[in-house]
Amino acid sequence: MKSFVAGHQMHYPVAIGTDEIGALYHLGAMPLTVLIDRKGRIAVSHAGVVDPKLFEADIKMLLAE
């Protein structure tokens, strides 16, 4: 995974989900990308392929909070 993240210039924390994480956040669909806010809550979720520009806008919104 580290080489994929480095190769795609992902400069933010990335985690591969487990069944336990899915249960913790009540996730059912896969693939699913979630952005978790500073309080540990799901702030934004994207099912399927994520548009990089939309994803970046969502990240910037959360960082501004």
N, C-alpha and C. Protein backbone atom coordinates (compact mmCIF):
# COMPACT_ATOMS: atom_id res chain seq x y z
N MET A 1 0.82 -1.18 0.00
CA MET A 1 0.00 0.00 0.00
C MET A 1 0.87 1.26 0.00
N LYS A 2 1.99 1.24 0.70
CA LYS A 2 2.84 2.44 0.78
C LYS A 2 3.29 2.89 -0.60
N SER A 3 3.64 1.96 -1.47
CA SER A 3 4.08 2.35 -2.81
C SER A 3 2.93 2.93 -3.62
N PHE A 4 1.71 2.42 -3.45
CA PHE A 4 0.55 2.97 -4.14
C PHE A 4 0.30 4.40 -3.70
N VAL A 5 0.31 4.62 -2.39
CA VAL A 5 0.07 5.96 -1.83
C VAL A 5 1.15 6.93 -2.31
N ALA A 6 2.40 6.53 -2.27
CA ALA A 6 3.49 7.39 -2.72
C ALA A 6 3.39 7.66 -4.21
N GLY A 7 3.05 6.64 -4.98
CA GLY A 7 2.96 6.78 -6.43
C GLY A 7 1.81 7.65 -6.89
N HIS A 8 0.80 7.80 -6.04
CA HIS A 8 -0.37 8.61 -6.39
C HIS A 8 -0.40 9.94 -5.64
N GLN A 9 0.72 10.31 -5.05
CA GLN A 9 0.89 11.59 -4.36
C GLN A 9 -0.25 11.85 -3.36
N MET A 10 -0.52 10.88 -2.53
CA MET A 10 -1.55 11.00 -1.50
C MET A 10 -0.85 11.47 -0.23
N HIS A 11 -0.96 12.74 0.06
CA HIS A 11 -0.25 13.34 1.19
C HIS A 11 -1.17 13.52 2.41
N TYR A 12 -1.90 12.47 2.72
CA TYR A 12 -2.81 12.47 3.86
C TYR A 12 -2.88 11.04 4.37
N PRO A 13 -3.31 10.84 5.61
CA PRO A 13 -3.36 9.48 6.15
C PRO A 13 -4.33 8.60 5.36
N VAL A 14 -3.91 7.40 5.06
CA VAL A 14 -4.72 6.43 4.33
C VAL A 14 -4.71 5.13 5.14
N ALA A 15 -5.88 4.54 5.32
CA ALA A 15 -5.98 3.28 6.05
C ALA A 15 -6.79 2.30 5.21
N ILE A 16 -6.41 1.05 5.27
CA ILE A 16 -7.19 0.00 4.64
C ILE A 16 -8.14 -0.53 5.69
N GLY A 17 -9.41 -0.55 5.37
CA GLY A 17 -10.43 -0.96 6.34
C GLY A 17 -10.39 -2.44 6.66
N THR A 18 -10.90 -2.74 7.82
CA THR A 18 -11.07 -4.12 8.27
C THR A 18 -12.54 -4.30 8.62
N ASP A 19 -12.94 -5.52 8.89
CA ASP A 19 -14.32 -5.76 9.31
C ASP A 19 -14.64 -4.98 10.59
N GLU A 20 -13.67 -4.88 11.48
CA GLU A 20 -13.89 -4.17 12.74
C GLU A 20 -14.13 -2.67 12.50
N ILE A 21 -13.34 -2.08 11.60
CA ILE A 21 -13.54 -0.66 11.28
C ILE A 21 -14.89 -0.47 10.60
N GLY A 22 -15.24 -1.37 9.69
CA GLY A 22 -16.54 -1.29 9.04
C GLY A 22 -17.68 -1.33 10.04
N ALA A 23 -17.58 -2.21 11.03
CA ALA A 23 -18.62 -2.31 12.05
C ALA A 23 -18.66 -1.06 12.93
N LEU A 24 -17.49 -0.52 13.25
CA LEU A 24 -17.42 0.67 14.09
C LEU A 24 -18.15 1.84 13.45
N TYR A 25 -18.00 2.00 12.12
CA TYR A 25 -18.60 3.13 11.42
C TYR A 25 -19.85 2.74 10.64
N HIS A 26 -20.34 1.51 10.83
CA HIS A 26 -21.58 1.04 10.19
C HIS A 26 -21.50 1.13 8.67
N LEU A 27 -20.40 0.65 8.11
CA LEU A 27 -20.18 0.71 6.67
C LEU A 27 -20.69 -0.57 6.03
N GLY A 28 -21.40 -0.44 4.92
CA GLY A 28 -21.92 -1.61 4.23
C GLY A 28 -21.40 -1.75 2.82
N ALA A 29 -21.27 -0.66 2.10
CA ALA A 29 -20.85 -0.71 0.70
C ALA A 29 -19.34 -0.66 0.58
N MET A 30 -18.81 -1.36 -0.40
CA MET A 30 -17.39 -1.31 -0.68
C MET A 30 -17.21 -1.21 -2.18
N PRO A 31 -16.29 -0.49 -2.75
CA PRO A 31 -15.38 0.36 -1.99
C PRO A 31 -16.10 1.61 -1.50
N LEU A 32 -15.66 2.09 -0.39
CA LEU A 32 -16.23 3.28 0.22
C LEU A 32 -15.09 4.11 0.77
N THR A 33 -15.08 5.38 0.43
CA THR A 33 -14.08 6.30 0.94
C THR A 33 -14.77 7.22 1.93
N VAL A 34 -14.21 7.32 3.11
CA VAL A 34 -14.79 8.21 4.12
C VAL A 34 -13.74 9.20 4.60
N LEU A 35 -14.19 10.39 4.90
CA LEU A 35 -13.35 11.40 5.53
C LEU A 35 -13.86 11.55 6.95
N ILE A 36 -12.98 11.36 7.89
CA ILE A 36 -13.35 11.40 9.31
C ILE A 36 -12.86 12.72 9.88
N ASP A 37 -13.78 13.43 10.56
CA ASP A 37 -13.42 14.75 11.08
C ASP A 37 -12.58 14.63 12.35
N ARG A 38 -12.21 15.76 12.88
CA ARG A 38 -11.33 15.80 14.05
C ARG A 38 -11.95 15.17 15.29
N LYS A 39 -13.28 15.03 15.30
CA LYS A 39 -13.98 14.42 16.43
C LYS A 39 -14.22 12.93 16.23
N GLY A 40 -13.70 12.38 15.13
CA GLY A 40 -13.84 10.96 14.87
C GLY A 40 -15.13 10.56 14.20
N ARG A 41 -15.88 11.52 13.69
CA ARG A 41 -17.15 11.25 13.01
C ARG A 41 -16.95 11.25 11.51
N ILE A 42 -17.76 10.45 10.81
CA ILE A 42 -17.72 10.49 9.35
C ILE A 42 -18.34 11.81 8.91
N ALA A 43 -17.53 12.63 8.23
CA ALA A 43 -18.00 13.93 7.76
C ALA A 43 -18.48 13.84 6.31
N VAL A 44 -17.80 13.03 5.51
CA VAL A 44 -18.13 12.88 4.09
C VAL A 44 -17.87 11.44 3.71
N SER A 45 -18.73 10.88 2.87
CA SER A 45 -18.48 9.53 2.35
C SER A 45 -18.75 9.51 0.86
N HIS A 46 -17.96 8.72 0.16
CA HIS A 46 -18.08 8.56 -1.29
C HIS A 46 -18.09 7.06 -1.59
N ALA A 47 -19.16 6.58 -2.22
CA ALA A 47 -19.21 5.18 -2.65
C ALA A 47 -18.65 5.11 -4.07
N GLY A 48 -17.85 4.08 -4.33
CA GLY A 48 -17.27 3.90 -5.65
C GLY A 48 -16.05 4.78 -5.88
N VAL A 49 -15.80 5.09 -7.15
CA VAL A 49 -14.64 5.89 -7.52
C VAL A 49 -14.87 7.34 -7.12
N VAL A 50 -13.85 7.95 -6.55
CA VAL A 50 -13.95 9.33 -6.06
C VAL A 50 -13.31 10.28 -7.08
N ASP A 51 -14.02 11.34 -7.41
CA ASP A 51 -13.47 12.40 -8.27
C ASP A 51 -12.41 13.13 -7.45
N PRO A 52 -11.17 13.14 -7.90
CA PRO A 52 -10.09 13.76 -7.11
C PRO A 52 -10.35 15.23 -6.76
N LYS A 53 -10.95 15.99 -7.65
CA LYS A 53 -11.21 17.40 -7.35
C LYS A 53 -12.26 17.55 -6.26
N LEU A 54 -13.30 16.73 -6.30
CA LEU A 54 -14.32 16.76 -5.26
C LEU A 54 -13.73 16.33 -3.92
N PHE A 55 -12.91 15.28 -3.95
CA PHE A 55 -12.27 14.77 -2.75
C PHE A 55 -11.38 15.83 -2.12
N GLU A 56 -10.59 16.52 -2.94
CA GLU A 56 -9.71 17.57 -2.45
C GLU A 56 -10.51 18.72 -1.85
N ALA A 57 -11.63 19.07 -2.49
CA ALA A 57 -12.47 20.15 -1.96
C ALA A 57 -13.04 19.77 -0.59
N ASP A 58 -13.46 18.50 -0.45
CA ASP A 58 -13.98 18.02 0.83
C ASP A 58 -12.91 18.06 1.92
N ILE A 59 -11.68 17.68 1.57
CA ILE A 59 -10.57 17.70 2.53
C ILE A 59 -10.28 19.14 2.97
N LYS A 60 -10.23 20.04 2.01
CA LYS A 60 -9.96 21.46 2.34
C LYS A 60 -11.05 22.02 3.23
N MET A 61 -12.30 21.64 2.99
CA MET A 61 -13.42 22.09 3.83
C MET A 61 -13.21 21.62 5.27
N LEU A 62 -12.85 20.35 5.42
CA LEU A 62 -12.65 19.81 6.78
C LEU A 62 -11.45 20.45 7.48
N LEU A 63 -10.40 20.71 6.74
CA LEU A 63 -9.22 21.33 7.35
C LEU A 63 -9.50 22.77 7.79
N ALA A 64 -10.45 23.41 7.14
CA ALA A 64 -10.79 24.80 7.48
C ALA A 64 -11.64 24.88 8.75
N GLU A 65 -12.21 23.75 9.16
CA GLU A 65 -13.07 23.77 10.37
C GLU A 65 -12.26 23.89 11.63
